[in-house]
Protein backbone atom coordinates (compact mmCIF):
# COMPACT_ATOMS: atom_id res chain seq x y z
CA MET A 1 23.96 -41.97 -6.11
CA ILE A 2 24.10 -45.13 -8.43
CA LEU A 3 24.47 -44.62 -12.06
CA SER A 4 23.58 -47.58 -14.39
CA GLN A 5 26.32 -48.87 -16.57
CA ASN A 6 23.90 -48.44 -19.52
CA ILE A 7 23.82 -44.85 -19.49
CA PRO A 8 26.14 -42.96 -21.70
CA PRO A 9 29.11 -41.09 -19.97
CA THR A 10 28.17 -37.69 -21.03
CA LEU A 11 24.47 -38.20 -19.44
CA LYS A 12 26.19 -39.62 -16.39
CA LEU A 13 28.11 -36.32 -16.13
CA LEU A 14 25.01 -34.27 -16.51
CA LEU A 15 22.87 -36.23 -13.97
CA LEU A 16 25.95 -36.08 -11.47
CA GLY A 17 26.08 -32.17 -11.95
CA LEU A 18 22.28 -31.86 -11.39
CA TRP A 19 22.60 -33.94 -8.25
CA LEU A 20 25.35 -31.89 -6.74
CA ALA A 21 23.56 -28.71 -7.60
CA ALA A 22 20.42 -29.88 -5.90
CA ALA A 23 22.45 -30.95 -2.97
CA THR A 24 24.24 -27.62 -2.64
CA VAL A 25 20.76 -25.70 -2.80
CA ALA A 26 19.51 -28.02 -0.09
CA HIS A 27 22.35 -27.25 2.31
CA ALA A 28 22.54 -23.57 1.48
CA GLN A 29 22.63 -21.15 4.49
CA PRO A 30 19.37 -19.21 5.05
CA TRP A 31 19.18 -15.96 3.37
CA THR A 32 20.01 -12.78 5.68
CA PRO A 33 18.79 -9.27 4.92
CA GLN A 34 21.52 -6.73 4.16
CA ILE A 35 19.65 -4.17 6.19
CA ASN A 36 18.39 -4.87 9.64
CA TRP A 37 15.18 -2.73 10.10
CA GLN A 38 13.28 -3.61 13.21
CA ARG A 39 10.42 -1.55 14.83
CA GLU A 40 7.43 -2.70 16.83
CA GLY A 41 4.24 -1.40 18.46
CA GLN A 42 4.10 0.22 21.81
CA GLU A 43 1.65 -2.21 23.27
CA ASP A 44 0.80 -6.04 22.80
CA ASN A 45 -1.45 -7.07 20.16
CA SER A 46 -1.15 -3.68 18.42
CA ARG A 47 -0.82 -5.48 15.13
CA TYR A 48 1.97 -3.04 14.13
CA GLY A 49 3.11 -3.67 10.53
CA TYR A 50 -0.21 -4.98 9.48
CA SER A 51 0.22 -3.60 5.96
CA ILE A 52 3.22 -1.45 4.32
CA LEU A 53 2.46 1.47 2.25
CA PRO A 54 5.01 2.24 -0.68
CA LEU A 55 5.22 5.97 -0.96
CA GLU A 56 8.02 6.25 -3.66
CA ASP A 57 10.33 9.20 -3.19
CA GLN A 58 8.57 11.92 -0.95
CA ASN A 59 11.44 14.05 -0.03
CA GLY A 60 13.46 14.17 -3.21
CA ASP A 61 16.53 12.38 -1.92
CA GLY A 62 16.54 9.53 -4.49
CA TYR A 63 15.22 6.88 -2.06
CA ALA A 64 11.77 5.35 -1.83
CA ASP A 65 9.87 6.08 1.20
CA PHE A 66 7.32 3.98 2.86
CA GLY A 67 4.59 3.92 5.55
CA ILE A 68 3.61 1.39 8.15
CA TYR A 69 0.16 0.82 9.20
CA GLN A 70 -1.17 -0.17 12.65
CA PRO A 71 -4.87 -1.15 12.89
CA GLY A 72 -4.90 -0.56 16.64
CA GLY A 73 -7.74 -1.74 18.94
CA GLY A 74 -8.62 -1.55 22.64
CA THR A 75 -6.54 1.46 24.01
CA THR A 76 -4.24 1.56 21.07
CA PRO A 77 -5.21 4.11 18.42
CA SER A 78 -5.07 3.49 14.67
CA LYS A 79 -1.95 4.71 13.29
CA VAL A 80 0.29 5.25 10.05
CA GLU A 81 3.99 6.03 10.50
CA LEU A 82 5.84 7.38 7.50
CA PHE A 83 9.53 6.90 7.07
CA HIS A 84 12.21 8.12 4.77
CA GLY A 85 14.15 5.61 2.73
CA GLY A 86 18.06 5.51 2.64
CA ASN A 87 21.07 3.39 3.27
CA PRO A 88 19.91 2.42 5.71
CA PRO A 89 16.32 3.56 5.77
CA SER A 90 15.36 5.70 8.71
CA GLN A 91 13.80 4.04 11.84
CA THR A 92 12.30 7.25 13.08
CA PRO A 93 9.06 8.48 11.31
CA TYR A 94 8.91 11.80 9.96
CA LEU A 95 5.21 11.91 10.17
CA VAL A 96 2.64 10.11 12.26
CA ILE A 97 -1.06 10.18 11.46
CA SER A 98 -3.08 8.82 14.45
CA SER A 99 -6.81 8.42 15.27
CA ASP A 100 -8.59 7.62 18.36
CA SER A 101 -12.15 8.18 17.15
CA LEU A 102 -12.07 6.85 13.57
CA TRP A 103 -10.81 3.26 13.29
CA HIS A 104 -9.47 2.48 9.90
CA ILE A 105 -11.10 -0.47 8.22
CA GLU A 106 -8.56 -3.16 6.92
CA PRO A 107 -6.87 -3.41 4.84
CA SER A 108 -5.59 0.16 4.76
CA PRO A 109 -3.99 2.67 3.56
CA HIS A 110 -4.26 2.43 -0.08
CA ILE A 111 -2.02 3.94 -3.04
CA LEU A 112 -3.90 6.38 -5.47
CA GLY A 113 -0.93 7.67 -7.67
CA ASP A 114 -0.21 11.41 -8.28
CA ILE A 115 -3.87 12.80 -8.38
CA ASN A 116 -2.79 16.47 -7.90
CA GLY A 117 0.06 16.31 -10.45
CA ASP A 118 2.84 17.65 -8.13
CA GLY A 119 5.03 14.73 -8.67
CA TYR A 120 4.63 12.85 -5.35
CA MET A 121 2.50 9.80 -4.58
CA ASP A 122 -0.79 10.31 -3.01
CA TRP A 123 -2.85 7.78 -0.89
CA TYR A 124 -5.76 7.46 1.31
CA LEU A 125 -7.11 5.76 4.54
CA ILE A 126 -10.55 4.25 4.85
CA ALA A 127 -12.21 5.29 8.16
CA ASP A 128 -15.31 3.86 9.64
CA SER A 129 -18.15 5.77 10.86
CA THR A 130 -17.43 6.02 14.52
CA ALA A 131 -17.46 9.61 14.85
CA ASN A 132 -20.74 10.05 12.47
CA PRO A 133 -23.15 7.08 12.69
CA SER A 134 -25.25 8.39 9.65
CA SER A 135 -22.39 7.76 7.55
CA TYR A 136 -20.93 4.47 5.90
CA GLY A 137 -17.51 5.86 6.23
CA TYR A 138 -14.94 7.99 4.54
CA ALA A 139 -11.95 8.04 2.36
CA PHE A 140 -9.37 10.37 3.90
CA ILE A 141 -7.07 11.40 0.92
CA TYR A 142 -3.67 12.76 1.60
CA PHE A 143 -1.44 14.60 -1.02
CA GLY A 144 2.02 13.41 -0.73
CA GLY A 145 5.29 15.67 -0.63
CA PRO A 146 7.91 16.77 1.68
CA ASN A 147 5.49 19.04 3.51
CA GLN A 148 2.65 16.59 3.96
CA ALA A 149 0.40 17.48 6.81
CA THR A 150 -1.28 15.08 9.22
CA THR A 151 -5.04 16.41 8.25
CA PRO A 152 -6.34 14.98 4.85
CA ASN A 153 -6.66 17.26 1.80
CA ILE A 154 -9.89 15.62 0.83
CA VAL A 155 -12.56 13.78 2.96
CA TRP A 156 -14.81 11.59 0.72
CA PRO A 157 -17.97 10.13 2.32
CA PHE A 158 -19.09 6.86 1.45
CA THR A 159 -22.91 6.30 0.91
CA ALA A 160 -22.94 2.55 1.05
CA TYR A 161 -20.84 -0.42 2.03
CA TRP A 162 -18.25 -1.99 -0.33
CA GLN A 163 -16.86 1.18 -1.59
CA TYR A 164 -13.35 2.03 -2.55
CA PHE A 165 -10.97 3.68 -4.72
CA SER A 166 -8.53 2.14 -7.20
CA PRO A 167 -5.53 3.86 -9.16
CA ILE A 168 -5.85 3.99 -12.89
CA ARG A 169 -2.91 6.61 -13.85
CA ASP A 170 -3.71 9.48 -16.08
CA LEU A 171 -6.41 8.30 -18.49
CA ASN A 172 -7.12 11.76 -20.08
CA GLY A 173 -3.52 13.02 -20.44
CA ASP A 174 -4.19 16.18 -18.39
CA GLY A 175 -1.15 15.38 -16.10
CA TYR A 176 -3.06 14.04 -13.06
CA ASP A 177 -3.69 10.58 -12.26
CA ASP A 178 -7.36 9.70 -12.20
CA LEU A 179 -9.38 7.39 -9.93
CA LEU A 180 -11.68 4.36 -10.36
CA PHE A 181 -14.34 4.55 -7.68
CA SER A 182 -15.90 0.94 -7.38
CA ASP A 183 -19.37 0.82 -5.72
CA ALA A 184 -20.17 -2.92 -5.29
CA TRP A 185 -23.13 -2.18 -3.23
CA ASN A 186 -24.93 -0.27 -6.23
CA GLU A 187 -23.28 -2.30 -8.83
CA HIS A 188 -21.41 0.39 -10.85
CA ALA A 189 -17.96 1.90 -11.09
CA ALA A 190 -17.05 5.48 -11.92
CA VAL A 191 -13.98 7.31 -13.12
CA TYR A 192 -13.01 10.57 -11.56
CA PHE A 193 -10.51 12.91 -13.29
CA GLY A 194 -7.74 14.04 -10.87
CA GLY A 195 -6.84 17.62 -9.92
CA ASN A 196 -6.18 19.63 -7.03
CA THR A 197 -9.88 19.10 -6.13
CA LEU A 198 -12.22 16.44 -6.48
CA ASP A 199 -16.11 16.77 -6.90
CA THR A 200 -18.63 14.09 -6.26
CA ILE A 201 -19.83 14.09 -9.87
CA PRO A 202 -18.17 11.24 -11.92
CA ASP A 203 -16.45 12.00 -15.13
CA LEU A 204 -17.41 8.51 -16.52
CA ARG A 205 -19.92 6.14 -15.22
CA LEU A 206 -19.59 2.49 -15.91
CA PRO A 207 -22.65 0.26 -15.10
CA TRP A 208 -22.20 -3.45 -14.29
CA GLY A 209 -24.05 -6.35 -16.03
CA GLY A 210 -26.22 -6.22 -18.96
């Protein structure tokens, strides 16, 4: 590095310091994770780890838990494996949800919030209509918690393409997170207030356009 004689000494020192800092960053060692967590699918091209599902703390141990989604294909079923967090996180799933007949549309799964007010994160899978050709698909909604089952708590049929849920937290202050149902096919959105059960009648309807 060549510094001109016309540059003031203080500015020379500043430029030299910046050059040394840049050189240090350029030659820094690659970052290595503090926890080596590694797991893979059972078959080639299983697409294991296609998406990660943050679950917050499902078993009350103070560590955030998570799920790993595998879309499947061929002879490999669609699958979601749920893991407990920790230091280090567990590499053995505490719950596996698998389906041979319903192939989950990507990307999946999806976070909903705490729609039943029990303090645990809830979520859902989108399933296509392989098992029922007359339907456009389903949302399989699962209530989280330490005793979560592999069967969905709510099965919500879709009546058209391009329909999905989005979390919007607790709009009406009743202790349940609410859901926004987006229906791009029919050009409207609807709000459903959370609770232990959900009905098909929207609590608020939001038409699109003018």
